[in-house]
Amino acid sequence: MEKINNTLKRVQELVKEFPNDKELGSEIRKLVKENSGTYLEQIKRENEERKKNSREEKERERMIKLCKEVVIPYDSTAFRIMFFNWIEYKRIEHGFKYKSRLSLQGALKKLSDLSKGSEEDAIMIISQSIENGWKGFFELKTNNNGKEEIGISEDYLQRIANGL
């Protein structure tokens, strides 16, 4: 930005030095040629940033409107925040956008089914999916890699100990 300002100042100086001279045109053309990439790139970056922000804002507004049309299974602020984080995560990480009320409602239903109606489990499922980079919701993983714990009775352990 500083380089652009310096270029503009230099153009103003040239205009004062050569008010009606043909050299003015050639001097300004040299300056423009030397700095046009910088100036044009800056303008292009600013325009792209404005467009990007505008698109993101429109997408947020669309999702807020869509979320108002669905039935949220849990009414707490914690769940709502976590679910909005899920929507944002899907958009950023996987380029996915819920396109309709039905698809969003379907995701909420699956989450509710997997959590068996437990809000705490639903929040943990969302968190698990985000942490693992998953595209969808899955049952909570257990510490034993999903395998059923095999209980060994005290009686069995006692018989083994006595047999030694």
N, C-alpha and C. Protein backbone atom coordinates (compact mmCIF):
# COMPACT_ATOMS: atom_id res chain seq x y z
N MET A 1 0.83 -1.19 0.00
CA MET A 1 0.00 0.00 0.00
C MET A 1 0.87 1.26 0.00
N GLU A 2 1.99 1.16 0.72
CA GLU A 2 2.90 2.31 0.80
C GLU A 2 3.49 2.61 -0.58
N LYS A 3 3.80 1.55 -1.33
CA LYS A 3 4.37 1.74 -2.67
C LYS A 3 3.36 2.43 -3.58
N ILE A 4 2.10 2.08 -3.43
CA ILE A 4 1.04 2.71 -4.23
C ILE A 4 0.95 4.19 -3.90
N ASN A 5 0.96 4.50 -2.61
CA ASN A 5 0.90 5.91 -2.20
C ASN A 5 2.10 6.69 -2.73
N ASN A 6 3.27 6.09 -2.68
CA ASN A 6 4.47 6.76 -3.20
C ASN A 6 4.35 7.00 -4.71
N THR A 7 3.79 6.04 -5.41
CA THR A 7 3.60 6.20 -6.86
C THR A 7 2.65 7.34 -7.14
N LEU A 8 1.56 7.40 -6.41
CA LEU A 8 0.59 8.48 -6.61
C LEU A 8 1.21 9.85 -6.31
N LYS A 9 2.01 9.90 -5.27
CA LYS A 9 2.70 11.17 -4.94
C LYS A 9 3.64 11.57 -6.07
N ARG A 10 4.33 10.58 -6.61
CA ARG A 10 5.28 10.86 -7.70
C ARG A 10 4.53 11.36 -8.94
N VAL A 11 3.36 10.80 -9.22
CA VAL A 11 2.56 11.27 -10.36
C VAL A 11 2.16 12.72 -10.13
N GLN A 12 1.74 13.06 -8.93
CA GLN A 12 1.37 14.44 -8.62
C GLN A 12 2.56 15.38 -8.82
N GLU A 13 3.74 14.94 -8.41
CA GLU A 13 4.94 15.76 -8.61
C GLU A 13 5.24 15.95 -10.10
N LEU A 14 5.09 14.89 -10.86
CA LEU A 14 5.35 14.97 -12.31
C LEU A 14 4.38 15.93 -12.99
N VAL A 15 3.14 15.91 -12.56
CA VAL A 15 2.14 16.82 -13.15
C VAL A 15 2.55 18.26 -12.89
N LYS A 16 3.07 18.53 -11.70
CA LYS A 16 3.51 19.89 -11.38
C LYS A 16 4.75 20.27 -12.20
N GLU A 17 5.67 19.31 -12.38
CA GLU A 17 6.90 19.57 -13.13
C GLU A 17 6.64 19.78 -14.62
N PHE A 18 5.76 18.97 -15.18
CA PHE A 18 5.50 19.02 -16.62
C PHE A 18 4.01 19.27 -16.88
N PRO A 19 3.52 20.46 -16.64
CA PRO A 19 2.08 20.70 -16.77
C PRO A 19 1.55 20.46 -18.19
N ASN A 20 2.27 20.80 -19.23
CA ASN A 20 1.78 20.62 -20.59
C ASN A 20 2.83 19.97 -21.48
N ASP A 21 3.63 19.20 -20.93
CA ASP A 21 4.77 18.66 -21.67
C ASP A 21 4.49 17.22 -22.09
N LYS A 22 4.99 16.83 -23.28
CA LYS A 22 4.83 15.45 -23.75
C LYS A 22 5.60 14.48 -22.87
N GLU A 23 6.65 14.98 -22.22
CA GLU A 23 7.44 14.11 -21.34
C GLU A 23 6.61 13.60 -20.16
N LEU A 24 5.63 14.40 -19.77
CA LEU A 24 4.78 13.99 -18.66
C LEU A 24 4.15 12.64 -18.95
N GLY A 25 3.60 12.51 -20.15
CA GLY A 25 2.96 11.25 -20.53
C GLY A 25 3.92 10.08 -20.46
N SER A 26 5.13 10.27 -21.00
CA SER A 26 6.09 9.15 -20.99
C SER A 26 6.54 8.82 -19.58
N GLU A 27 6.72 9.86 -18.73
CA GLU A 27 7.14 9.62 -17.34
C GLU A 27 6.05 8.88 -16.57
N ILE A 28 4.82 9.28 -16.78
CA ILE A 28 3.71 8.62 -16.09
C ILE A 28 3.57 7.18 -16.58
N ARG A 29 3.73 6.97 -17.90
CA ARG A 29 3.65 5.61 -18.43
C ARG A 29 4.73 4.73 -17.80
N LYS A 30 5.93 5.27 -17.63
CA LYS A 30 7.01 4.51 -17.00
C LYS A 30 6.61 4.12 -15.57
N LEU A 31 6.10 5.09 -14.83
CA LEU A 31 5.68 4.81 -13.45
C LEU A 31 4.59 3.75 -13.40
N VAL A 32 3.61 3.90 -14.26
CA VAL A 32 2.50 2.96 -14.28
C VAL A 32 3.02 1.57 -14.63
N LYS A 33 3.89 1.51 -15.63
CA LYS A 33 4.44 0.23 -16.05
C LYS A 33 5.22 -0.42 -14.91
N GLU A 34 6.02 0.38 -14.21
CA GLU A 34 6.82 -0.15 -13.10
C GLU A 34 5.95 -0.63 -11.94
N ASN A 35 4.84 0.06 -11.69
CA ASN A 35 4.04 -0.21 -10.50
C ASN A 35 2.66 -0.77 -10.76
N SER A 36 2.30 -0.93 -12.02
CA SER A 36 0.93 -1.35 -12.31
C SER A 36 0.63 -2.72 -11.73
N GLY A 37 1.61 -3.61 -11.81
CA GLY A 37 1.38 -4.94 -11.24
C GLY A 37 1.03 -4.85 -9.78
N THR A 38 1.77 -4.07 -9.05
CA THR A 38 1.53 -3.93 -7.62
C THR A 38 0.16 -3.32 -7.36
N TYR A 39 -0.14 -2.24 -8.06
CA TYR A 39 -1.40 -1.54 -7.86
C TYR A 39 -2.57 -2.41 -8.29
N LEU A 40 -2.46 -2.99 -9.47
CA LEU A 40 -3.56 -3.82 -9.97
C LEU A 40 -3.75 -5.07 -9.11
N GLU A 41 -2.66 -5.66 -8.66
CA GLU A 41 -2.76 -6.82 -7.79
C GLU A 41 -3.45 -6.46 -6.48
N GLN A 42 -3.12 -5.29 -5.94
CA GLN A 42 -3.74 -4.84 -4.70
C GLN A 42 -5.25 -4.67 -4.88
N ILE A 43 -5.64 -4.02 -5.97
CA ILE A 43 -7.07 -3.83 -6.25
C ILE A 43 -7.76 -5.17 -6.43
N LYS A 44 -7.11 -6.08 -7.15
CA LYS A 44 -7.68 -7.40 -7.39
C LYS A 44 -7.85 -8.16 -6.07
N ARG A 45 -6.83 -8.12 -5.21
CA ARG A 45 -6.92 -8.79 -3.90
C ARG A 45 -8.06 -8.23 -3.06
N GLU A 46 -8.18 -6.89 -3.06
CA GLU A 46 -9.25 -6.26 -2.28
C GLU A 46 -10.62 -6.66 -2.80
N ASN A 47 -10.79 -6.70 -4.12
CA ASN A 47 -12.07 -7.10 -4.71
C ASN A 47 -12.39 -8.56 -4.39
N GLU A 48 -11.39 -9.43 -4.49
CA GLU A 48 -11.60 -10.84 -4.18
C GLU A 48 -11.98 -11.04 -2.72
N GLU A 49 -11.33 -10.29 -1.84
CA GLU A 49 -11.63 -10.37 -0.42
C GLU A 49 -13.07 -9.93 -0.14
N ARG A 50 -13.49 -8.83 -0.79
CA ARG A 50 -14.87 -8.35 -0.63
C ARG A 50 -15.87 -9.40 -1.10
N LYS A 51 -15.60 -10.00 -2.26
CA LYS A 51 -16.50 -11.03 -2.80
C LYS A 51 -16.56 -12.23 -1.88
N LYS A 52 -15.40 -12.66 -1.38
CA LYS A 52 -15.34 -13.81 -0.49
C LYS A 52 -16.15 -13.54 0.78
N ASN A 53 -15.94 -12.38 1.38
CA ASN A 53 -16.67 -12.02 2.60
C ASN A 53 -18.17 -11.96 2.34
N SER A 54 -18.54 -11.43 1.18
CA SER A 54 -19.94 -11.34 0.81
C SER A 54 -20.55 -12.73 0.65
N ARG A 55 -19.83 -13.64 -0.02
CA ARG A 55 -20.32 -15.01 -0.21
C ARG A 55 -20.47 -15.71 1.13
N GLU A 56 -19.47 -15.55 2.01
CA GLU A 56 -19.52 -16.19 3.32
C GLU A 56 -20.68 -15.67 4.15
N GLU A 57 -20.90 -14.37 4.09
CA GLU A 57 -22.01 -13.77 4.84
C GLU A 57 -23.35 -14.28 4.31
N LYS A 58 -23.48 -14.37 3.00
CA LYS A 58 -24.72 -14.89 2.41
C LYS A 58 -24.94 -16.34 2.82
N GLU A 59 -23.86 -17.13 2.84
CA GLU A 59 -23.97 -18.54 3.24
C GLU A 59 -24.37 -18.65 4.70
N ARG A 60 -23.81 -17.83 5.57
CA ARG A 60 -24.20 -17.85 6.99
C ARG A 60 -25.68 -17.50 7.15
N GLU A 61 -26.12 -16.47 6.44
CA GLU A 61 -27.53 -16.07 6.52
C GLU A 61 -28.44 -17.20 6.02
N ARG A 62 -28.02 -17.89 4.96
CA ARG A 62 -28.81 -19.00 4.41
C ARG A 62 -28.90 -20.13 5.44
N MET A 63 -27.78 -20.43 6.11
CA MET A 63 -27.78 -21.51 7.09
C MET A 63 -28.60 -21.15 8.32
N ILE A 64 -28.55 -19.89 8.74
CA ILE A 64 -29.36 -19.46 9.88
C ILE A 64 -30.84 -19.61 9.54
N LYS A 65 -31.20 -19.20 8.35
CA LYS A 65 -32.60 -19.34 7.90
C LYS A 65 -33.00 -20.81 7.85
N LEU A 66 -32.11 -21.65 7.32
CA LEU A 66 -32.38 -23.07 7.21
C LEU A 66 -32.53 -23.70 8.60
N CYS A 67 -31.69 -23.29 9.53
CA CYS A 67 -31.74 -23.85 10.88
C CYS A 67 -33.03 -23.45 11.61
N LYS A 68 -33.58 -22.32 11.25
CA LYS A 68 -34.84 -21.90 11.87
C LYS A 68 -36.00 -22.76 11.39
N GLU A 69 -35.81 -23.44 10.25
CA GLU A 69 -36.88 -24.25 9.67
C GLU A 69 -36.86 -25.70 10.15
N VAL A 70 -35.82 -26.12 10.87
CA VAL A 70 -35.72 -27.50 11.31
C VAL A 70 -36.04 -27.62 12.79
N VAL A 71 -36.35 -28.83 13.20
CA VAL A 71 -36.62 -29.12 14.61
C VAL A 71 -35.30 -29.56 15.23
N ILE A 72 -34.81 -28.77 16.18
CA ILE A 72 -33.56 -29.10 16.88
C ILE A 72 -33.93 -30.01 18.04
N PRO A 73 -33.30 -31.19 18.15
CA PRO A 73 -33.71 -32.16 19.17
C PRO A 73 -33.40 -31.74 20.61
N TYR A 74 -32.43 -30.88 20.79
CA TYR A 74 -32.06 -30.45 22.15
C TYR A 74 -32.05 -28.94 22.18
N ASP A 75 -32.59 -28.38 23.22
CA ASP A 75 -32.82 -26.93 23.25
C ASP A 75 -31.71 -26.13 23.93
N SER A 76 -30.63 -26.78 24.33
CA SER A 76 -29.60 -26.05 25.06
C SER A 76 -28.71 -25.24 24.13
N THR A 77 -28.13 -24.20 24.68
CA THR A 77 -27.20 -23.36 23.93
C THR A 77 -25.96 -24.16 23.56
N ALA A 78 -25.50 -25.03 24.47
CA ALA A 78 -24.30 -25.83 24.21
C ALA A 78 -24.49 -26.70 22.97
N PHE A 79 -25.66 -27.34 22.86
CA PHE A 79 -25.91 -28.18 21.68
C PHE A 79 -25.97 -27.34 20.42
N ARG A 80 -26.68 -26.23 20.48
CA ARG A 80 -26.81 -25.37 19.29
C ARG A 80 -25.45 -24.89 18.81
N ILE A 81 -24.61 -24.46 19.73
CA ILE A 81 -23.27 -23.99 19.36
C ILE A 81 -22.47 -25.12 18.72
N MET A 82 -22.53 -26.30 19.33
CA MET A 82 -21.77 -27.44 18.79
C MET A 82 -22.29 -27.83 17.42
N PHE A 83 -23.60 -27.78 17.22
CA PHE A 83 -24.15 -28.15 15.91
C PHE A 83 -23.77 -27.10 14.86
N PHE A 84 -23.79 -25.83 15.22
CA PHE A 84 -23.35 -24.79 14.26
C PHE A 84 -21.86 -24.96 13.95
N ASN A 85 -21.08 -25.37 14.94
CA ASN A 85 -19.67 -25.67 14.69
C ASN A 85 -19.54 -26.81 13.69
N TRP A 86 -20.42 -27.81 13.81
CA TRP A 86 -20.43 -28.94 12.88
C TRP A 86 -20.71 -28.46 11.45
N ILE A 87 -21.71 -27.62 11.30
CA ILE A 87 -22.07 -27.09 9.98
C ILE A 87 -20.89 -26.32 9.38
N GLU A 88 -20.26 -25.50 10.20
CA GLU A 88 -19.11 -24.71 9.74
C GLU A 88 -17.93 -25.62 9.40
N TYR A 89 -17.69 -26.63 10.22
CA TYR A 89 -16.62 -27.60 9.98
C TYR A 89 -16.83 -28.30 8.64
N LYS A 90 -18.05 -28.77 8.40
CA LYS A 90 -18.35 -29.48 7.14
C LYS A 90 -18.11 -28.57 5.94
N ARG A 91 -18.48 -27.30 6.07
CA ARG A 91 -18.30 -26.36 4.96
C ARG A 91 -16.83 -26.10 4.69
N ILE A 92 -16.07 -25.86 5.74
CA ILE A 92 -14.66 -25.50 5.58
C ILE A 92 -13.81 -26.71 5.21
N GLU A 93 -13.94 -27.80 5.95
CA GLU A 93 -13.06 -28.95 5.75
C GLU A 93 -13.44 -29.83 4.57
N HIS A 94 -14.73 -29.94 4.29
CA HIS A 94 -15.17 -30.88 3.26
C HIS A 94 -15.92 -30.21 2.11
N GLY A 95 -16.05 -28.89 2.17
CA GLY A 95 -16.75 -28.17 1.10
C GLY A 95 -18.21 -28.58 0.97
N PHE A 96 -18.79 -29.02 2.06
CA PHE A 96 -20.16 -29.51 2.05
C PHE A 96 -21.11 -28.48 2.64
N LYS A 97 -22.23 -28.28 1.97
CA LYS A 97 -23.26 -27.39 2.48
C LYS A 97 -24.59 -28.15 2.48
N TYR A 98 -25.29 -28.08 3.60
CA TYR A 98 -26.63 -28.65 3.62
C TYR A 98 -27.49 -27.81 2.69
N LYS A 99 -28.07 -28.45 1.70
CA LYS A 99 -28.77 -27.70 0.65
C LYS A 99 -30.26 -27.50 0.93
N SER A 100 -30.80 -28.32 1.81
CA SER A 100 -32.23 -28.19 2.07
C SER A 100 -32.53 -28.45 3.54
N ARG A 101 -33.75 -28.09 3.90
CA ARG A 101 -34.22 -28.34 5.25
C ARG A 101 -34.23 -29.84 5.53
N LEU A 102 -34.58 -30.62 4.52
CA LEU A 102 -34.67 -32.08 4.69
C LEU A 102 -33.31 -32.71 4.98
N SER A 103 -32.28 -32.27 4.28
CA SER A 103 -30.95 -32.86 4.51
C SER A 103 -30.44 -32.48 5.90
N LEU A 104 -30.69 -31.27 6.32
CA LEU A 104 -30.27 -30.82 7.64
C LEU A 104 -31.05 -31.56 8.73
N GLN A 105 -32.36 -31.72 8.51
CA GLN A 105 -33.19 -32.44 9.47
C GLN A 105 -32.77 -33.90 9.55
N GLY A 106 -32.37 -34.47 8.42
CA GLY A 106 -31.90 -35.85 8.40
C GLY A 106 -30.64 -36.02 9.24
N ALA A 107 -29.72 -35.06 9.14
CA ALA A 107 -28.49 -35.12 9.94
C ALA A 107 -28.82 -35.05 11.43
N LEU A 108 -29.75 -34.18 11.79
CA LEU A 108 -30.16 -34.05 13.19
C LEU A 108 -30.83 -35.33 13.69
N LYS A 109 -31.62 -35.96 12.84
CA LYS A 109 -32.29 -37.21 13.21
C LYS A 109 -31.26 -38.31 13.44
N LYS A 110 -30.30 -38.40 12.53
CA LYS A 110 -29.26 -39.43 12.69
C LYS A 110 -28.49 -39.20 13.99
N LEU A 111 -28.17 -37.96 14.26
CA LEU A 111 -27.45 -37.62 15.49
C LEU A 111 -28.27 -37.99 16.72
N SER A 112 -29.56 -37.69 16.68
CA SER A 112 -30.45 -38.02 17.79
C SER A 112 -30.56 -39.53 17.98
N ASP A 113 -30.65 -40.26 16.86
CA ASP A 113 -30.74 -41.73 16.94
C ASP A 113 -29.46 -42.33 17.52
N LEU A 114 -28.31 -41.86 17.03
CA LEU A 114 -27.03 -42.39 17.51
C LEU A 114 -26.81 -42.09 18.99
N SER A 115 -27.30 -40.94 19.43
CA SER A 115 -27.11 -40.55 20.83
C SER A 115 -28.18 -41.13 21.75
N LYS A 116 -29.13 -41.85 21.16
CA LYS A 116 -30.24 -42.47 21.91
C LYS A 116 -30.95 -41.46 22.80
N GLY A 117 -31.08 -40.24 22.28
CA GLY A 117 -31.82 -39.20 22.99
C GLY A 117 -31.02 -38.47 24.05
N SER A 118 -29.74 -38.78 24.18
CA SER A 118 -28.91 -38.12 25.18
C SER A 118 -28.21 -36.91 24.57
N GLU A 119 -28.51 -35.74 25.10
CA GLU A 119 -27.89 -34.51 24.60
C GLU A 119 -26.37 -34.55 24.78
N GLU A 120 -25.92 -35.03 25.93
CA GLU A 120 -24.49 -35.11 26.21
C GLU A 120 -23.79 -36.00 25.18
N ASP A 121 -24.39 -37.15 24.87
CA ASP A 121 -23.81 -38.05 23.87
C ASP A 121 -23.82 -37.40 22.49
N ALA A 122 -24.88 -36.66 22.16
CA ALA A 122 -24.96 -35.99 20.87
C ALA A 122 -23.82 -34.99 20.71
N ILE A 123 -23.55 -34.23 21.75
CA ILE A 123 -22.45 -33.27 21.72
C ILE A 123 -21.12 -34.00 21.57
N MET A 124 -20.97 -35.13 22.28
CA MET A 124 -19.74 -35.90 22.18
C MET A 124 -19.57 -36.52 20.79
N ILE A 125 -20.66 -36.92 20.17
CA ILE A 125 -20.60 -37.48 18.81
C ILE A 125 -20.14 -36.42 17.82
N ILE A 126 -20.69 -35.21 17.94
CA ILE A 126 -20.26 -34.12 17.06
C ILE A 126 -18.77 -33.85 17.27
N SER A 127 -18.38 -33.76 18.51
CA SER A 127 -16.98 -33.49 18.85
C SER A 127 -16.06 -34.58 18.29
N GLN A 128 -16.45 -35.84 18.47
CA GLN A 128 -15.68 -36.97 17.96
C GLN A 128 -15.52 -36.89 16.45
N SER A 129 -16.59 -36.56 15.76
CA SER A 129 -16.54 -36.48 14.29
C SER A 129 -15.62 -35.37 13.83
N ILE A 130 -15.68 -34.23 14.49
CA ILE A 130 -14.80 -33.10 14.12
C ILE A 130 -13.34 -33.45 14.42
N GLU A 131 -13.10 -33.99 15.62
CA GLU A 131 -11.73 -34.33 16.03
C GLU A 131 -11.07 -35.34 15.09
N ASN A 132 -11.87 -36.27 14.57
CA ASN A 132 -11.31 -37.31 13.71
C ASN A 132 -11.38 -36.96 12.23
N GLY A 133 -11.91 -35.77 11.90
CA GLY A 133 -11.96 -35.35 10.50
C GLY A 133 -13.00 -36.10 9.69
N TRP A 134 -14.01 -36.63 10.35
CA TRP A 134 -15.02 -37.43 9.67
C TRP A 134 -16.02 -36.53 8.96
N LYS A 135 -16.67 -37.09 7.95
CA LYS A 135 -17.69 -36.36 7.19
C LYS A 135 -19.09 -36.57 7.75
N GLY A 136 -19.24 -37.52 8.64
CA GLY A 136 -20.57 -37.82 9.17
C GLY A 136 -20.51 -38.16 10.65
N PHE A 137 -21.68 -38.57 11.16
CA PHE A 137 -21.81 -38.95 12.57
C PHE A 137 -21.74 -40.47 12.69
N PHE A 138 -21.06 -40.92 13.74
CA PHE A 138 -20.94 -42.34 14.01
C PHE A 138 -21.06 -42.56 15.51
N GLU A 139 -21.36 -43.81 15.89
CA GLU A 139 -21.48 -44.12 17.31
C GLU A 139 -20.20 -43.72 18.03
N LEU A 140 -20.34 -43.41 19.30
CA LEU A 140 -19.18 -43.05 20.09
C LEU A 140 -18.23 -44.23 20.18
N LYS A 141 -16.96 -43.94 19.98
CA LYS A 141 -15.95 -44.99 20.12
C LYS A 141 -15.70 -45.20 21.60
N THR A 142 -15.45 -46.43 21.94
CA THR A 142 -15.14 -46.74 23.33
C THR A 142 -13.63 -46.91 23.45
N ASN A 143 -13.15 -46.97 24.66
CA ASN A 143 -11.71 -47.12 24.89
C ASN A 143 -11.18 -48.47 24.42
N ASN A 144 -12.07 -49.45 24.27
CA ASN A 144 -11.63 -50.78 23.87
C ASN A 144 -11.85 -51.02 22.38
N ASN A 145 -11.78 -49.96 21.59
CA ASN A 145 -11.90 -50.03 20.13
C ASN A 145 -13.19 -50.69 19.66
N GLY A 146 -14.27 -50.44 20.38
CA GLY A 146 -15.57 -50.93 19.97
C GLY A 146 -15.81 -52.39 20.31
N LYS A 147 -14.84 -53.08 20.91
CA LYS A 147 -15.01 -54.48 21.27
C LYS A 147 -15.71 -54.55 22.62
N GLU A 148 -16.52 -55.56 22.73
CA GLU A 148 -17.24 -55.74 23.98
C GLU A 148 -16.26 -56.18 25.06
N GLU A 149 -16.39 -55.58 26.23
CA GLU A 149 -15.50 -55.95 27.32
C GLU A 149 -15.87 -57.35 27.81
N ILE A 150 -14.86 -58.13 27.99
CA ILE A 150 -15.08 -59.48 28.49
C ILE A 150 -14.85 -59.44 29.99
N GLY A 151 -15.90 -59.71 30.72
CA GLY A 151 -15.79 -59.70 32.18
C GLY A 151 -15.27 -61.04 32.68
N ILE A 152 -14.30 -60.98 33.53
CA ILE A 152 -13.76 -62.21 34.14
C ILE A 152 -14.24 -62.21 35.58
N SER A 153 -14.94 -63.23 35.91
CA SER A 153 -15.52 -63.28 37.24
C SER A 153 -14.44 -63.50 38.29
N GLU A 154 -14.76 -63.06 39.50
CA GLU A 154 -13.84 -63.24 40.62
C GLU A 154 -13.63 -64.73 40.89
N ASP A 155 -14.70 -65.49 40.72
CA ASP A 155 -14.64 -66.93 40.96
C ASP A 155 -13.63 -67.58 40.02
N TYR A 156 -13.68 -67.22 38.76
CA TYR A 156 -12.77 -67.77 37.75
C TYR A 156 -11.33 -67.40 38.09
N LEU A 157 -11.09 -66.15 38.43
CA LEU A 157 -9.74 -65.71 38.80
C LEU A 157 -9.24 -66.48 40.03
N GLN A 158 -10.12 -66.73 41.00
CA GLN A 158 -9.76 -67.46 42.22
C GLN A 158 -9.38 -68.90 41.89
N ARG A 159 -10.16 -69.54 40.98
CA ARG A 159 -9.86 -70.92 40.59
C ARG A 159 -8.51 -70.99 39.88
N ILE A 160 -8.21 -69.98 39.02
CA ILE A 160 -6.91 -69.97 38.34
C ILE A 160 -5.79 -69.81 39.34
N ALA A 161 -5.99 -68.92 40.29
CA ALA A 161 -4.96 -68.67 41.31
C ALA A 161 -4.74 -69.93 42.16
N ASN A 162 -5.80 -70.64 42.50
CA ASN A 162 -5.69 -71.86 43.31
C ASN A 162 -5.02 -72.97 42.54
N GLY A 163 -5.19 -72.95 41.24
CA GLY A 163 -4.63 -74.02 40.40
C GLY A 163 -3.14 -73.85 40.21
N LEU A 164 -2.59 -72.72 40.51
CA LEU A 164 -1.15 -72.52 40.33
C LEU A 164 -0.33 -73.06 41.44
